[in-house]
C-alpha cells in the first residue's frame, strides 16, 4: 500500500503539464502586466464620447445652441424688421438672407456663449471625475495619465466642434428657410453671392474654432488642478472676461495684441469682398500658442499631481 495520498483533481503543477493547458494570459509579463494587456485600448474615444453624450450637461448645451437660432428668429419676427435697408449693423442685416442670419448668430455668440460652452466641456473633463471620486479608479484600471488626459481632450474637442457646428447648421438652415438664399450683405454695403458667402462663412467658422483653442487649453489646465468642475469652468470664463476688459483699454496700445482673445472678432473680415489674411493668421497663431502653453501646463500638472479622489 502506497503511503502517498492521491492528489485531488486539478492540483498538478501546470508547469509540469506536457499538454500546456495552463492559460498563458494568467501569467504576468516581466514588467508586472498581465499578458495580453494593451494600454492603447483603454478608455477609447468611442466609449468616452458615448458616455459624455449621455450626460445631461452635454445634451443641454447642444440643445440650447440648437434652440438659439429659433429664439433669434422669433425676436426678429416679434420686434419687426428694421433691416430693409441695404446697409447697417450686423443686427439690422440679420434678416437679409440665410447667411446673414448665420453671421448674426455667430456674432452674438462668439464673445461669451461659445466661450462658456468650450470651457464647460474642457473644464469639466477631468475635474468631474475627481469630484465623483472616480479619477483614481480610472488610473487603477490602469489607464496611463497621459492617455487619460489626451482622450479627455479629444472628446472635449469633438463636443466643442459639434456645438459650433450645431449653431451654424441650424442657423443656416432656419435662416435660409425664413429669409431665402440671397447674397451676404456686409455692414459696409458690400455683397457676396450665396455660393461665395458659404465659402467665406466656412473660413470664418474654422477661424472661430481655432481662436477658441486657448480657452480649451486654459480650461483643461484648470480642470486638472481642481476637484471642482465649476471652479475650472468659472475660472476660464473669468479670465476671458478680464482679457476682454483689458482689450478695451486703448491706453495699453500694442500690448493688447498679446492678450488671449484679442483677435476674436477678426473672423468678420471674411465679410469684405477682398479677404485679408493678416489678422486671421495672427489670431490663429496667438490662440494656438496659448493653447500649446496651457496644454503643457495641464500635462505637467496632471503627470505629477497626487491623485486622492
Protein backbone atom coordinates (compact mmCIF):
# COMPACT_ATOMS: atom_id res chain seq x y z
CA UNK A 1 0.00 0.00 0.00
CA UNK A 2 1.50 3.35 -1.07
CA UNK A 3 1.99 5.96 1.66
CA UNK A 4 1.47 8.83 -0.77
CA UNK A 5 -2.08 10.21 -0.78
CA UNK A 6 -3.77 10.68 -4.11
CA UNK A 7 -3.66 14.27 -5.34
CA UNK A 8 -7.05 15.90 -5.88
CA UNK A 9 -8.01 16.70 -9.45
CA UNK A 10 -6.51 19.92 -10.77
CA UNK A 11 -3.73 20.10 -8.18
CA UNK A 12 -1.00 19.08 -10.55
CA UNK A 13 1.73 21.60 -11.32
CA UNK A 14 0.75 23.42 -14.56
CA UNK A 15 4.40 23.87 -15.40
CA UNK A 16 4.81 20.09 -15.45
CA UNK A 17 1.79 19.61 -17.68
CA UNK A 18 3.18 18.47 -21.03
CA UNK A 19 -0.06 19.43 -22.77
CA UNK A 20 0.49 23.12 -21.91
CA UNK A 21 -3.10 23.55 -20.74
CA UNK A 22 -2.28 26.48 -18.41
CA UNK A 23 -3.79 29.80 -19.55
CA UNK A 24 -0.87 31.98 -20.71
CA UNK A 25 -2.95 35.12 -20.09
CA UNK A 26 -2.80 34.45 -16.35
CA UNK A 27 0.98 34.71 -16.37
CA UNK A 28 2.30 38.25 -15.74
CA UNK A 29 4.95 39.68 -18.03
CA UNK A 30 8.37 40.82 -16.87
CA UNK A 31 7.09 44.33 -16.03
CA UNK A 32 4.16 43.01 -13.97
CA UNK A 33 1.43 43.46 -16.56
CA UNK A 34 -0.92 40.62 -17.37
CA UNK A 35 -0.06 39.14 -20.75
CA UNK A 36 -2.38 40.47 -23.41
CA UNK A 37 -2.97 43.81 -21.72
CA UNK A 38 -2.82 46.68 -24.20
CA UNK A 39 -2.75 50.17 -22.68
CA UNK A 40 -3.63 51.61 -26.07
CA UNK A 41 -7.08 50.02 -25.91
CA UNK A 42 -8.11 51.56 -22.59
CA UNK A 43 -10.61 54.43 -22.47
CA UNK A 44 -11.31 54.54 -26.20
CA UNK A 45 -12.61 57.75 -27.76
CA UNK A 46 -15.81 55.97 -28.77
CA UNK A 47 -16.50 54.81 -25.22
CA UNK A 48 -15.80 58.18 -23.65
CA UNK A 49 -17.73 60.04 -26.35
CA UNK A 50 -20.78 57.83 -25.82
CA UNK A 51 -20.51 58.40 -22.10
CA UNK A 52 -20.30 62.17 -22.47
CA UNK A 53 -23.19 62.36 -24.93
CA UNK A 54 -25.43 60.69 -22.36
CA UNK A 55 -24.68 63.35 -19.75
CA UNK A 56 -27.32 65.98 -19.12
CA UNK A 57 -24.92 68.93 -19.39
CA UNK A 58 -23.91 67.87 -22.90
CA UNK A 59 -27.49 67.49 -24.01
CA UNK A 60 -28.50 70.83 -22.50
CA UNK A 61 -25.54 72.67 -24.06
CA UNK A 62 -26.12 71.28 -27.55
CA UNK A 63 -29.87 71.70 -27.21
CA UNK A 64 -29.55 75.35 -26.26
CA UNK A 65 -27.24 76.07 -29.20
CA UNK A 66 -29.81 74.44 -31.49
CA UNK A 67 -32.57 76.50 -29.89
CA UNK A 68 -30.73 79.83 -30.02
CA UNK A 69 -31.38 80.47 -33.76
CA UNK A 70 -35.08 79.84 -33.15
CA UNK A 71 -35.06 82.39 -30.32
CA UNK A 72 -33.33 84.93 -32.58
CA UNK A 73 -35.80 84.32 -35.40
CA UNK A 74 -38.73 84.82 -33.03
CA UNK A 75 -37.12 88.02 -31.73
CA UNK A 76 -36.79 89.34 -35.27
CA UNK A 77 -40.41 88.45 -36.01
CA UNK A 78 -41.77 90.00 -32.82
CA UNK A 79 -39.60 93.09 -32.98
CA UNK A 80 -40.39 93.84 -36.60
CA UNK A 81 -37.92 94.37 -39.39
CA UNK A 82 -35.58 97.31 -39.40
CA UNK A 83 -33.23 95.53 -41.74
CA UNK A 84 -34.85 96.51 -45.03
CA UNK A 85 -32.03 98.90 -45.79
CA UNK A 86 -29.08 97.70 -47.77
CA UNK A 87 -26.61 98.76 -45.11
CA UNK A 88 -26.43 98.92 -41.36
CA UNK A 89 -25.11 96.87 -38.46
CA UNK A 90 -24.98 93.09 -38.39
CA UNK A 91 -28.12 93.17 -36.25
CA UNK A 92 -30.01 95.23 -38.82
CA UNK A 93 -28.79 92.96 -41.61
CA UNK A 94 -29.70 89.73 -39.83
CA UNK A 95 -32.80 89.09 -41.94
CA UNK A 96 -31.33 89.95 -45.32
CA UNK A 97 -30.54 86.30 -46.09
CA UNK A 98 -29.88 82.95 -44.50
CA UNK A 99 -26.13 83.59 -44.50
CA UNK A 100 -26.63 87.00 -42.88
CA UNK A 101 -28.75 85.37 -40.21
CA UNK A 102 -25.97 82.83 -39.55
CA UNK A 103 -23.36 85.56 -39.35
CA UNK A 104 -25.52 87.42 -36.84
CA UNK A 105 -25.96 84.26 -34.72
CA UNK A 106 -22.17 83.82 -34.64
CA UNK A 107 -21.62 87.50 -33.87
CA UNK A 108 -23.77 87.36 -30.72
CA UNK A 109 -22.30 84.03 -29.59
CA UNK A 110 -18.54 84.30 -30.08
CA UNK A 111 -17.80 86.77 -27.31
CA UNK A 112 -19.36 84.82 -24.44
CA UNK A 113 -21.68 81.89 -25.20
CA UNK A 114 -19.22 79.77 -27.18
CA UNK A 115 -16.51 80.51 -24.62
CA UNK A 116 -18.77 79.19 -21.86
CA UNK A 117 -19.58 76.04 -23.88
CA UNK A 118 -15.92 75.26 -24.63
CA UNK A 119 -14.95 75.99 -21.03
CA UNK A 120 -17.73 73.66 -19.89
CA UNK A 121 -16.60 70.71 -21.98
CA UNK A 122 -12.87 71.06 -21.23
CA UNK A 123 -13.10 72.36 -17.67
CA UNK A 124 -15.43 69.56 -16.66
CA UNK A 125 -13.37 66.83 -18.35
CA UNK A 126 -11.04 65.78 -15.52
CA UNK A 127 -12.42 67.79 -12.61
CA UNK A 128 -15.76 65.98 -12.81
CA UNK A 129 -14.04 62.61 -12.41
CA UNK A 130 -12.23 63.96 -9.35
CA UNK A 131 -15.47 65.33 -7.89
CA UNK A 132 -17.11 61.91 -8.32
CA UNK A 133 -14.05 60.22 -6.70
CA UNK A 134 -13.71 58.08 -9.83
CA UNK A 135 -10.44 59.50 -11.15
CA UNK A 136 -8.22 57.27 -9.04
CA UNK A 137 -10.21 54.21 -10.14
CA UNK A 138 -9.74 55.12 -13.79
CA UNK A 139 -6.00 55.34 -13.22
CA UNK A 140 -6.10 51.99 -11.39
CA UNK A 141 -7.67 50.19 -14.39
CA UNK A 142 -4.86 51.02 -15.30
CA UNK A 143 -5.06 53.94 -17.72
CA UNK A 144 -1.88 55.93 -18.22
CA UNK A 145 -2.23 59.53 -17.09
CA UNK A 146 -1.06 60.89 -20.41
CA UNK A 147 -3.56 58.75 -22.31
CA UNK A 148 -6.43 59.69 -20.00
CA UNK A 149 -5.70 63.39 -20.44
CA UNK A 150 -5.37 63.01 -24.21
CA UNK A 151 -8.60 61.05 -24.60
CA UNK A 152 -10.49 63.54 -22.44
CA UNK A 153 -9.12 66.41 -24.54
CA UNK A 154 -10.04 64.71 -27.84
CA UNK A 155 -13.60 64.03 -26.71
CA UNK A 156 -13.96 67.58 -25.36
CA UNK A 157 -12.72 68.93 -28.70
CA UNK A 158 -15.25 66.78 -30.59
CA UNK A 159 -18.07 68.05 -28.38
CA UNK A 160 -16.94 71.66 -28.83
CA UNK A 161 -16.81 71.31 -32.62
CA UNK A 162 -20.23 69.63 -32.53
CA UNK A 163 -21.58 72.58 -30.55
CA UNK A 164 -20.22 75.11 -33.05
CA UNK A 165 -21.47 73.03 -35.99
CA UNK A 166 -24.92 72.79 -34.38
CA UNK A 167 -25.18 76.56 -34.04
CA UNK A 168 -24.00 77.20 -37.59
CA UNK A 169 -26.02 74.39 -39.17
CA UNK A 170 -29.33 75.22 -37.52
CA UNK A 171 -28.84 78.95 -38.16
CA UNK A 172 -28.10 78.42 -41.84
CA UNK A 173 -30.98 76.03 -42.42
CA UNK A 174 -33.51 78.09 -40.47
CA UNK A 175 -32.26 81.41 -41.84
CA UNK A 176 -32.37 80.18 -45.44
CA UNK A 177 -35.87 78.84 -44.94
CA UNK A 178 -37.12 82.12 -43.47
CA UNK A 179 -35.09 84.73 -45.35
CA UNK A 180 -34.01 82.98 -48.54
CA UNK A 181 -30.74 82.15 -50.26
CA UNK A 182 -29.78 85.72 -51.02
CA UNK A 183 -26.36 87.30 -51.07
CA UNK A 184 -24.37 88.07 -47.95
CA UNK A 185 -24.60 91.81 -47.27
CA UNK A 186 -21.88 93.33 -45.09
CA UNK A 187 -22.29 96.40 -42.83
CA UNK A 188 -20.23 98.32 -45.40
CA UNK A 189 -22.81 97.81 -48.13
CA UNK A 190 -20.79 95.16 -49.98
CA UNK A 191 -22.41 91.91 -51.03
CA UNK A 192 -21.18 88.41 -51.84
CA UNK A 193 -23.02 85.82 -53.89
CA UNK A 194 -24.57 82.95 -51.97
CA UNK A 195 -22.00 80.38 -53.11
CA UNK A 196 -19.07 82.68 -52.33
CA UNK A 197 -20.55 83.64 -48.98
CA UNK A 198 -20.77 79.97 -47.95
CA UNK A 199 -17.05 79.59 -48.57
CA UNK A 200 -16.29 82.75 -46.60
CA UNK A 201 -18.55 81.56 -43.79
CA UNK A 202 -16.66 78.26 -43.66
CA UNK A 203 -13.36 80.15 -43.31
CA UNK A 204 -14.84 82.26 -40.52
CA UNK A 205 -16.12 79.19 -38.65
CA UNK A 206 -12.73 77.47 -38.89
CA UNK A 207 -11.05 80.58 -37.51
CA UNK A 208 -13.55 80.78 -34.64
CA UNK A 209 -12.80 77.14 -33.77
CA UNK A 210 -9.05 77.82 -33.79
CA UNK A 211 -9.49 81.02 -31.81
CA UNK A 212 -11.27 79.07 -29.05
CA UNK A 213 -8.33 76.68 -28.57
CA UNK A 214 -6.77 78.96 -25.97
CA UNK A 215 -9.99 78.71 -23.96
CA UNK A 216 -9.83 74.92 -24.26
CA UNK A 217 -6.21 74.82 -23.12
CA UNK A 218 -6.81 77.06 -20.11
CA UNK A 219 -9.93 75.12 -19.09
CA UNK A 220 -8.04 71.83 -19.27
CA UNK A 221 -5.17 73.25 -17.19
CA UNK A 222 -7.63 74.36 -14.53
CA UNK A 223 -9.55 71.07 -14.77
CA UNK A 224 -6.51 69.03 -13.70
CA UNK A 225 -5.74 71.49 -10.91
CA UNK A 226 -9.03 71.34 -9.03
CA UNK A 227 -11.64 68.84 -7.90
CA UNK A 228 -14.45 71.34 -8.53
CA UNK A 229 -15.69 71.45 -12.16
CA UNK A 230 -17.45 74.75 -11.51
CA UNK A 231 -14.15 76.27 -10.42
CA UNK A 232 -12.43 75.23 -13.65
CA UNK A 233 -15.27 76.44 -15.86
CA UNK A 234 -15.82 79.66 -13.89
CA UNK A 235 -12.10 80.42 -13.75
CA UNK A 236 -11.78 80.09 -17.51
CA UNK A 237 -14.77 82.35 -18.16
CA UNK A 238 -13.44 84.89 -15.65
CA UNK A 239 -10.04 85.04 -17.35
CA UNK A 240 -11.79 85.52 -20.69
CA UNK A 241 -13.88 88.40 -19.32
CA UNK A 242 -10.83 90.10 -17.79
CA UNK A 243 -8.94 89.73 -21.09
CA UNK A 244 -11.83 91.33 -22.97
CA UNK A 245 -11.97 94.21 -20.49
CA UNK A 246 -8.24 94.84 -20.81
CA UNK A 247 -8.54 94.66 -24.58
CA UNK A 248 -10.88 97.66 -24.46
CA UNK A 249 -8.30 99.84 -22.69
CA UNK A 250 -6.70 101.72 -25.57
CA UNK A 251 -4.00 103.11 -23.28
CA UNK A 252 -2.35 99.69 -23.38
CA UNK A 253 -1.56 100.25 -27.03
CA UNK A 254 0.12 97.38 -28.83
CA UNK A 255 0.28 95.38 -25.60
CA UNK A 256 -3.32 94.40 -26.26
CA UNK A 257 -2.14 92.31 -29.20
CA UNK A 258 -0.63 89.84 -26.75
CA UNK A 259 -3.88 89.30 -24.87
CA UNK A 260 -5.63 85.96 -25.44
CA UNK A 261 -8.74 86.50 -27.50
CA UNK A 262 -7.58 89.86 -28.87
CA UNK A 263 -8.31 88.66 -32.42
CA UNK A 264 -11.65 87.05 -31.56
CA UNK A 265 -13.58 89.37 -33.88
CA UNK A 266 -11.13 89.06 -36.78
CA UNK A 267 -13.38 86.44 -38.37
CA UNK A 268 -15.66 89.28 -39.51
CA UNK A 269 -13.01 90.20 -42.11
CA UNK A 270 -14.40 87.37 -44.23
CA UNK A 271 -17.42 89.60 -44.93
CA UNK A 272 -15.42 92.00 -47.09
CA UNK A 273 -15.13 91.45 -50.86
CA UNK A 274 -11.34 91.24 -50.59
CA UNK A 275 -10.29 88.72 -47.96
CA UNK A 276 -7.39 89.86 -45.78
CA UNK A 277 -5.48 87.04 -44.10
CA UNK A 278 -3.26 89.13 -41.81
CA UNK A 279 -5.48 89.29 -38.74
CA UNK A 280 -6.75 85.77 -39.31
CA UNK A 281 -3.25 84.32 -39.33
CA UNK A 282 -2.11 86.44 -36.38
CA UNK A 283 -5.16 85.41 -34.40
CA UNK A 284 -4.72 81.73 -35.24
CA UNK A 285 -1.05 81.81 -34.23
CA UNK A 286 -1.81 83.63 -30.96
CA UNK A 287 -4.56 81.20 -29.97
CA UNK A 288 -2.56 78.11 -30.85
CA UNK A 289 0.46 79.45 -28.95
CA UNK A 290 -1.60 79.99 -25.81
CA UNK A 291 -3.30 76.61 -26.27
CA UNK A 292 0.09 74.90 -26.50
CA UNK A 293 1.36 76.68 -23.40
CA UNK A 294 -1.74 75.82 -21.36
CA UNK A 295 -1.67 72.26 -22.70
CA UNK A 296 1.90 71.77 -21.49
CA UNK A 297 0.96 73.16 -18.08
CA UNK A 298 -2.01 70.78 -17.91
CA UNK A 299 0.10 67.76 -18.87
CA UNK A 300 2.88 68.60 -16.40
CA UNK A 301 0.43 69.26 -13.60
CA UNK A 302 -1.52 66.07 -14.19
CA UNK A 303 1.60 63.94 -14.58
CA UNK A 304 2.95 64.97 -11.18
CA UNK A 305 -0.28 65.51 -9.23
CA UNK A 306 -1.07 63.29 -6.26
CA UNK A 307 -4.45 61.79 -7.14
CA UNK A 308 -6.51 61.31 -4.00
CA UNK A 309 -10.04 61.44 -5.40
